[in-house]
Structure formats: C-alpha cells, structure tokens
Amino acid sequence: MLYTSRITGLGSYVPENVVTNDDLSKIMDTNDAWIQERTGIKERRHIKKGDGNSTSIMGVKAAKIAIERANLTKDDIDLIIFATLSPDMYFPGGGVRVQDMLEMGTVPALDVRNQCSGFIYSLSVADQFIKTGMYRHILIIGSENHSGGLDMTTRGRSVSVIFGDGAGAAVLSRNEEENGNGILSTHLHSEGAYAKELALEGPNTGQWVPELAETINPDQEQIPYFPYMNGQFVFKNAVVRFTEVIQEGLQKNHLQSTDIDMLIPHQANLRISQFVQKQFKLSDDQVFNNIHKYGNTTAASIPIALTEAWEAGKIKEGDTVVLAAFGSGFTWGSAIIKW
C-alpha cells in the first residue's frame, strides 16, 4: 500500500535587517531603478552581525512555527531534511544542527545541496519516505545566509543585488484521510553541462583556502570565492525549464493550466515569474510572488512564499497548487499538490 503525504504545517523567518536598493547604491555603483527593472526586487533581508542568526538558527525558527501549526511536537518528527547552499560549516551540514538545537532524539537528518531547487528536491524525497510507510512526519527546511558570502562592491553587483537571507519550513505528514489530497507528483531534472554558468567554485578540495589566497589579484574581474552568474544565459534556460517541468506535472495528473489555483515559482527574478505566468495564461491572483520584499533566498524562497500565500488565505483546501524551481546545477523541478 502506498500512502499519500500532505503539508500539515508551514513557517518562515527572515532577519529584521532590511536592506533597500538605495542602501546598496551607497556601497556600489547601482540604483533602485536599475535593480527593479532587471529583477523586480525592492529590498531584501540580511543577517546583521550580532543578531544571533545563522543558516541553521533561522531554519530552527521557521521549523518551530511549522511544527506548532501542524499540531505536533518536535518528538513527532521522524526525519529532518535541510536544504541550503550556505551551511553554517563546510561540514557537518545544517540538519544535525537543527536536530541538536530543537533537542530532538536521535532522529535522522539529511542535507540536500540543490541550491534554488533544494526545497522541491527535499519535498520529493520526503514524499517517497512517507509513501512507502517508512516515516509519518518529516520536517523540511530551506534556509540561506547569502549576505555572508557576497561581493558587496560594484564588481559583484550583478549577483549581490539579487540575493537575501531567510528560512522557510514545512511539515510533511502521512494523509490519514482517504480524500486524495496531498502531493500528487514531483518531477526532478538536472543538466550539469552548464554547472559553471551559476556557481561558486572556491574554496574547494582541489584548491583550498591558503592555496586559493595566493592566486587572487583583488583587481581581477571575478574573484573565485564569490558567486558567479551568467545572468542572461541562466534566464534563457530558466524560462524554458520552468515551462517544461510545470507542463510535465500537469500532464502527469491529467490537468490543464486552467486547473491551477496557485502557482508558487522559486523567487529568482520577477521577470522569469511573469514570463511563466504569461505562458500559462494565469491571472495575478493565480501566481504568488514576494521577491520584491526578500530577493532570491534560494532554497528558502518557495517555503517562505508558500507560507505567506497560505497565511494570506490565498491557498484553500482542495486547491491545486503548483511549485516550481530552477537554479544552479542546472537543476529544476516541480510539485503538483491537491491542498
């Protein structure tokens, strides 16, 4: 017998420190109009030194809300799945940090490193564990501390203006009701040929910190320990893959775009979301975006947006909800959910 899984609790957390486009214009050659025109972003949240936050700590804050809303306790959680590209430490990953900070038992913890697609990949993995009956309640977290590793100068502005910090969490539980609601299907893909078009190459085990430092000229165009993104190339691939993977999910479940009640795309760039919205002929009420407030929070973006949409009453029981993401790897995926 295969079970179905439902999202039973959602939570999110963002740092209090708001960084506007005007704030960035004071430290790099950019301006509000330039950023908004290209990304749709007005502001983002950044961890402030001394505010007590880290990738794992923000994840814990979001997780506590999600667990409470699921009417569960930490002791009900059977597995933690933690998605991030910015862990507190190179190793171990954030999952065990959450297990410790929430004072759980020896619950297993799994880390997912799929960047912008991290939450979709995590949701898919959790769904399989619940379908087979191995686990009943799984905590999924997407959390990012981007601000700690960005080139906050004019040299790095094309990447640095885009990203923000924050965390989102969901509890996925076995559906005990025979109503057919829950995750209908998930769809995952990758294309590693373009890995370096959106990447952070160093430091790595082939070129570790002391060796890397010796090779860096601070005047060079791209510093290897800051993220690199070929923006136009990523955009062109994203709009194609978003469309394909959403269509794949709809076809799998014999649905049409007119059946979508809410599409929550990964908040990479408002222009990508608007392109996808137009492709599927969706109204503004059928698509939820919050990139203008938070920027791109990578693995955290979908759970933060999903939480806010649910809190605002935009998602109701029985709705068809579509989640989709594309990012570094390249990796992309979608989830079709009957809420």
Protein backbone atom coordinates (compact mmCIF):
# COMPACT_ATOMS: atom_id res chain seq x y z
CA MET A 1 0.00 0.00 0.00
CA LEU A 2 1.26 3.46 -0.90
CA TYR A 3 0.29 6.34 1.35
CA THR A 4 -0.13 9.96 0.32
CA SER A 5 1.58 12.88 2.02
CA ARG A 6 0.22 16.33 2.90
CA ILE A 7 1.80 19.56 4.02
CA THR A 8 0.35 19.99 7.50
CA GLY A 9 2.41 22.91 8.81
CA LEU A 10 4.26 25.90 7.35
CA GLY A 11 6.55 28.51 8.89
CA SER A 12 9.04 31.16 7.82
CA TYR A 13 11.57 33.53 9.30
CA VAL A 14 13.52 36.46 7.85
CA PRO A 15 16.05 38.70 9.64
CA GLU A 16 14.80 42.08 10.86
CA ASN A 17 17.53 43.98 8.99
CA VAL A 18 16.00 45.43 5.77
CA VAL A 19 18.46 46.36 3.00
CA THR A 20 16.89 48.55 0.30
CA ASN A 21 18.16 49.21 -3.19
CA ASP A 22 19.03 52.73 -2.06
CA ASP A 23 21.14 51.22 0.73
CA LEU A 24 23.10 49.22 -1.85
CA SER A 25 23.59 52.30 -4.03
CA LYS A 26 25.67 53.78 -1.19
CA ILE A 27 28.25 50.98 -1.35
CA MET A 28 28.26 50.09 -5.07
CA ASP A 29 27.51 51.72 -8.41
CA THR A 30 23.83 50.85 -8.77
CA ASN A 31 20.41 52.39 -8.20
CA ASP A 32 16.84 51.48 -7.35
CA ALA A 33 15.50 51.83 -10.89
CA TRP A 34 18.28 49.64 -12.37
CA ILE A 35 17.66 46.83 -9.86
CA GLN A 36 13.88 46.92 -10.07
CA GLU A 37 13.86 46.97 -13.87
CA ARG A 38 16.06 43.87 -14.13
CA THR A 39 14.89 41.83 -11.13
CA GLY A 40 11.72 43.27 -9.60
CA ILE A 41 13.48 43.48 -6.23
CA LYS A 42 12.94 46.49 -3.98
CA GLU A 43 14.56 45.22 -0.79
CA ARG A 44 15.94 42.12 0.87
CA ARG A 45 16.81 40.96 4.40
CA HIS A 46 20.39 40.47 5.54
CA ILE A 47 21.68 38.93 8.73
CA LYS A 48 23.34 41.63 10.83
CA LYS A 49 26.44 40.69 12.78
CA GLY A 50 25.45 40.14 16.37
CA ASP A 51 21.76 39.50 15.71
CA GLY A 52 22.18 35.84 16.71
CA ASN A 53 21.20 34.40 13.33
CA SER A 54 22.83 31.79 11.14
CA THR A 55 21.56 29.47 8.42
CA SER A 56 20.69 26.75 10.95
CA ILE A 57 19.28 29.11 13.57
CA MET A 58 16.91 30.73 11.06
CA GLY A 59 15.88 27.24 9.98
CA VAL A 60 15.07 26.34 13.58
CA LYS A 61 12.95 29.48 13.98
CA ALA A 62 10.92 28.62 10.87
CA ALA A 63 10.70 24.96 11.89
CA LYS A 64 9.23 25.71 15.32
CA ILE A 65 6.37 27.62 13.67
CA ALA A 66 5.73 24.85 11.13
CA ILE A 67 5.72 22.10 13.77
CA GLU A 68 3.31 24.04 16.00
CA ARG A 69 0.96 24.73 13.07
CA ALA A 70 0.98 21.02 12.25
CA ASN A 71 -0.29 20.42 15.81
CA LEU A 72 2.77 18.31 16.50
CA THR A 73 5.74 18.43 18.85
CA LYS A 74 9.41 18.02 17.98
CA ASP A 75 9.19 14.45 19.25
CA ASP A 76 6.71 13.58 16.48
CA ILE A 77 9.23 14.33 13.73
CA ASP A 78 10.74 11.20 12.16
CA LEU A 79 13.24 12.83 9.77
CA ILE A 80 14.81 16.25 9.11
CA ILE A 81 15.65 17.30 5.56
CA PHE A 82 17.69 20.51 5.38
CA ALA A 83 18.22 22.29 2.05
CA THR A 84 20.83 25.03 1.73
CA LEU A 85 23.83 26.19 -0.29
CA SER A 86 25.13 28.26 2.65
CA PRO A 87 25.57 25.95 5.66
CA ASP A 88 26.99 27.20 8.96
CA MET A 89 30.01 24.97 8.37
CA TYR A 90 31.56 23.26 5.37
CA PHE A 91 30.69 20.07 7.26
CA PRO A 92 28.71 18.76 9.01
CA GLY A 93 25.52 20.01 7.40
CA GLY A 94 22.67 22.02 8.86
CA GLY A 95 20.36 19.06 9.51
CA VAL A 96 22.23 17.82 12.56
CA ARG A 97 22.49 21.38 13.86
CA VAL A 98 18.69 21.62 13.75
CA GLN A 99 18.36 18.24 15.48
CA ASP A 100 20.59 19.50 18.27
CA MET A 101 19.01 22.94 18.67
CA LEU A 102 15.49 21.51 18.72
CA GLU A 103 16.67 18.93 21.29
CA MET A 104 15.24 16.03 19.34
CA GLY A 105 16.18 12.43 19.91
CA THR A 106 18.48 10.62 17.51
CA VAL A 107 16.19 11.47 14.60
CA PRO A 108 17.94 11.14 11.22
CA ALA A 109 18.99 14.31 9.42
CA LEU A 110 19.58 14.61 5.69
CA ASP A 111 21.15 17.56 3.86
CA VAL A 112 20.18 18.47 0.29
CA ARG A 113 22.53 20.58 -1.84
CA ASN A 114 20.42 21.51 -4.84
CA GLN A 115 20.55 25.29 -4.45
CA CYS A 116 17.41 27.01 -5.85
CA SER A 117 15.74 23.62 -6.43
CA GLY A 118 16.60 22.42 -2.93
CA PHE A 119 13.13 22.66 -1.45
CA ILE A 120 11.47 20.86 -4.39
CA TYR A 121 14.08 18.08 -4.24
CA SER A 122 13.60 17.82 -0.45
CA LEU A 123 9.83 17.68 -0.82
CA SER A 124 10.16 14.90 -3.38
CA VAL A 125 12.49 12.87 -1.14
CA ALA A 126 10.18 13.32 1.86
CA ASP A 127 7.17 12.30 -0.22
CA GLN A 128 8.83 9.00 -1.14
CA PHE A 129 9.64 8.18 2.50
CA ILE A 130 6.04 8.80 3.51
CA LYS A 131 4.52 6.99 0.51
CA THR A 132 6.40 3.80 1.39
CA GLY A 133 5.34 3.99 5.02
CA MET A 134 8.85 4.43 6.45
CA TYR A 135 8.08 7.76 8.13
CA ARG A 136 4.91 9.55 9.24
CA HIS A 137 6.07 13.18 9.83
CA ILE A 138 9.04 14.83 8.09
CA LEU A 139 10.42 18.31 8.74
CA ILE A 140 11.69 20.06 5.59
CA ILE A 141 13.71 23.28 5.89
CA GLY A 142 15.12 25.64 3.28
CA SER A 143 17.42 28.27 4.77
CA GLU A 144 20.07 30.62 3.38
CA ASN A 145 22.62 33.13 4.65
CA HIS A 146 23.67 34.65 1.34
CA SER A 147 24.83 38.00 2.71
CA GLY A 148 27.80 36.37 4.44
CA GLY A 149 29.37 35.42 1.11
CA LEU A 150 28.54 38.11 -1.44
CA ASP A 151 30.87 40.57 -3.15
CA MET A 152 29.23 43.78 -1.92
CA THR A 153 31.14 46.02 -4.35
CA THR A 154 30.50 47.34 -7.84
CA ARG A 155 32.44 44.36 -9.20
CA GLY A 156 29.90 41.92 -7.71
CA ARG A 157 26.71 43.95 -8.09
CA SER A 158 25.08 41.82 -10.82
CA VAL A 159 24.85 38.95 -8.31
CA SER A 160 24.88 40.70 -4.94
CA VAL A 161 21.78 42.86 -5.51
CA ILE A 162 19.69 39.73 -6.11
CA PHE A 163 20.19 37.60 -3.01
CA GLY A 164 18.75 37.78 0.50
CA ASP A 165 18.68 35.78 3.73
CA GLY A 166 15.82 33.85 5.28
CA ALA A 167 14.29 30.46 6.04
CA GLY A 168 11.11 28.55 5.38
CA ALA A 169 9.92 25.21 6.73
CA ALA A 170 7.19 22.66 6.10
CA VAL A 171 5.99 19.56 7.88
CA LEU A 172 5.01 16.77 5.51
CA SER A 173 2.73 14.15 7.09
CA ARG A 174 1.00 10.96 6.10
CA ASN A 175 -2.53 11.73 4.95
CA GLU A 176 -4.80 9.77 7.26
CA GLU A 177 -7.93 10.70 5.28
CA GLU A 178 -9.00 8.99 2.07
CA ASN A 179 -9.74 12.23 0.24
CA GLY A 180 -6.98 12.09 -2.34
CA ASN A 181 -5.48 15.36 -1.15
CA GLY A 182 -1.73 15.81 -0.84
CA ILE A 183 1.26 15.68 -3.15
CA LEU A 184 0.10 14.26 -6.46
CA SER A 185 3.53 14.08 -8.10
CA THR A 186 7.00 15.60 -8.17
CA HIS A 187 9.31 15.95 -11.17
CA LEU A 188 13.08 16.46 -10.97
CA HIS A 189 15.77 17.16 -13.59
CA SER A 190 19.40 18.23 -13.91
CA GLU A 191 21.85 19.31 -16.62
CA GLY A 192 25.40 19.52 -15.31
CA ALA A 193 26.85 20.71 -18.63
CA TYR A 194 26.07 24.26 -17.52
CA ALA A 195 27.23 23.95 -13.91
CA LYS A 196 29.75 26.79 -14.17
CA GLU A 197 27.19 29.28 -15.53
CA LEU A 198 25.91 29.74 -11.97
CA ALA A 199 28.45 28.60 -9.43
CA LEU A 200 30.75 29.24 -6.52
CA GLU A 201 33.94 27.39 -7.43
CA GLY A 202 36.17 28.03 -4.46
CA PRO A 203 37.42 27.27 -1.99
CA ASN A 204 37.19 23.59 -2.81
CA THR A 205 39.15 20.44 -2.11
CA GLY A 206 41.17 20.95 -5.30
CA GLN A 207 42.15 24.47 -4.31
CA TRP A 208 41.89 25.02 -0.57
CA VAL A 209 41.97 28.31 1.31
CA PRO A 210 45.76 29.02 1.63
CA GLU A 211 46.43 27.98 -1.97
CA LEU A 212 43.46 29.99 -3.24
CA ALA A 213 44.52 33.14 -1.38
CA GLU A 214 47.94 33.07 -3.05
CA THR A 215 46.41 33.18 -6.54
CA ILE A 216 43.98 36.07 -6.08
CA ASN A 217 44.52 39.51 -7.53
CA PRO A 218 41.95 41.81 -5.88
CA ASP A 219 41.68 43.80 -9.12
CA GLN A 220 40.65 40.82 -11.24
CA GLU A 221 37.16 40.81 -12.71
CA GLN A 222 35.93 37.64 -10.99
CA ILE A 223 37.12 36.51 -7.55
CA PRO A 224 36.80 32.71 -7.28
CA TYR A 225 35.41 32.68 -3.74
CA PHE A 226 32.43 34.87 -4.72
CA PRO A 227 29.46 33.52 -6.70
CA TYR A 228 29.43 33.84 -10.48
CA MET A 229 26.30 34.01 -12.62
CA ASN A 230 25.91 34.31 -16.37
CA GLY A 231 22.62 36.14 -15.93
CA GLN A 232 21.26 36.17 -19.49
CA PHE A 233 22.16 32.52 -20.08
CA VAL A 234 20.54 31.45 -16.79
CA PHE A 235 17.40 33.48 -17.60
CA LYS A 236 17.01 31.90 -21.05
CA ASN A 237 17.35 28.39 -19.65
CA ALA A 238 15.11 29.11 -16.66
CA VAL A 239 12.07 30.23 -18.63
CA VAL A 240 12.26 27.11 -20.83
CA ARG A 241 12.77 24.64 -17.98
CA PHE A 242 10.13 26.25 -15.74
CA THR A 243 7.56 25.89 -18.51
CA GLU A 244 8.58 22.31 -19.35
CA VAL A 245 8.54 20.98 -15.80
CA ILE A 246 5.22 22.59 -14.91
CA GLN A 247 3.69 21.17 -18.08
CA GLU A 248 5.17 17.76 -17.23
CA GLY A 249 3.43 17.82 -13.85
CA LEU A 250 0.10 18.91 -15.29
CA GLN A 251 0.17 16.18 -17.95
CA LYS A 252 1.07 13.52 -15.39
CA ASN A 253 -2.08 14.38 -13.44
CA HIS A 254 -4.34 14.99 -16.46
CA LEU A 255 -4.66 18.68 -15.59
CA GLN A 256 -4.75 21.86 -17.66
CA SER A 257 -3.27 25.24 -16.82
CA THR A 258 -6.84 26.38 -16.12
CA ASP A 259 -6.89 23.91 -13.19
CA ILE A 260 -4.09 25.77 -11.39
CA ASP A 261 -5.40 27.67 -8.37
CA MET A 262 -1.98 28.85 -7.18
CA LEU A 263 1.46 28.77 -8.79
CA ILE A 264 4.37 29.49 -6.47
CA PRO A 265 7.57 29.74 -8.50
CA HIS A 266 11.02 29.96 -6.99
CA GLN A 267 11.68 33.65 -6.46
CA ALA A 268 14.71 34.04 -8.72
CA ASN A 269 13.68 37.03 -10.79
CA LEU A 270 10.27 38.66 -11.18
CA ARG A 271 10.75 38.72 -14.96
CA ILE A 272 11.01 34.91 -15.00
CA SER A 273 7.82 34.55 -12.95
CA GLN A 274 5.99 36.99 -15.23
CA PHE A 275 7.14 35.09 -18.34
CA VAL A 276 5.90 31.77 -16.91
CA GLN A 277 2.62 33.38 -15.84
CA LYS A 278 2.07 34.61 -19.38
CA GLN A 279 2.94 31.21 -20.88
CA PHE A 280 0.21 29.52 -18.83
CA LYS A 281 -2.26 32.43 -19.15
CA LEU A 282 -2.58 32.79 -15.38
CA SER A 283 -4.04 35.83 -13.63
CA ASP A 284 -2.21 37.77 -10.93
CA ASP A 285 -4.41 36.00 -8.36
CA GLN A 286 -3.10 32.63 -9.53
CA VAL A 287 0.60 33.42 -9.01
CA PHE A 288 2.27 34.41 -5.75
CA ASN A 289 5.44 36.50 -5.77
CA ASN A 290 7.27 38.14 -2.87
CA ILE A 291 10.70 38.67 -4.44
CA HIS A 292 10.21 42.45 -4.16
CA LYS A 293 10.47 42.08 -0.36
CA TYR A 294 13.10 39.39 0.10
CA GLY A 295 15.12 38.99 -3.09
CA ASN A 296 16.24 35.50 -4.07
CA THR A 297 16.55 33.34 -0.94
CA THR A 298 17.38 30.21 -2.97
CA ALA A 299 16.26 27.05 -1.09
CA ALA A 300 14.18 29.20 1.27
CA SER A 301 12.24 31.08 -1.40
CA ILE A 302 9.45 28.58 -2.09
CA PRO A 303 8.69 27.72 1.57
CA ILE A 304 8.73 31.43 2.52
CA ALA A 305 6.37 32.27 -0.36
CA LEU A 306 4.19 29.22 0.29
CA THR A 307 3.89 30.20 3.96
CA GLU A 308 2.95 33.79 3.12
CA ALA A 309 0.40 32.72 0.50
CA TRP A 310 -1.22 30.32 2.96
CA GLU A 311 -1.21 32.92 5.74
CA ALA A 312 -2.92 35.40 3.41
CA GLY A 313 -5.72 32.91 2.70
CA LYS A 314 -4.72 32.52 -0.94
CA ILE A 315 -4.50 28.72 -0.62
CA LYS A 316 -7.58 26.77 0.47
CA GLU A 317 -8.36 23.10 0.98
CA GLY A 318 -8.92 21.37 -2.35
CA ASP A 319 -6.89 23.91 -4.35
CA THR A 320 -4.44 22.72 -6.99
CA VAL A 321 -1.10 24.23 -6.01
CA VAL A 322 1.95 24.08 -8.28
CA LEU A 323 5.51 24.65 -7.04
CA ALA A 324 8.40 25.03 -9.48
CA ALA A 325 12.08 25.94 -9.29
CA PHE A 326 15.19 26.26 -11.46
CA GLY A 327 18.73 27.02 -10.42
CA SER A 328 22.40 26.20 -10.17
CA GLY A 329 23.43 22.79 -11.36
CA PHE A 330 21.47 23.30 -13.51
CA THR A 331 18.70 21.61 -11.56
CA TRP A 332 14.96 22.12 -11.77
CA GLY A 333 11.74 20.55 -10.58
CA SER A 334 8.05 20.87 -9.88
CA ALA A 335 5.46 19.57 -7.44
CA ILE A 336 1.72 19.26 -8.07
CA ILE A 337 -0.30 19.37 -4.87
CA LYS A 338 -4.00 18.94 -4.07
CA TRP A 339 -4.16 21.04 -0.92
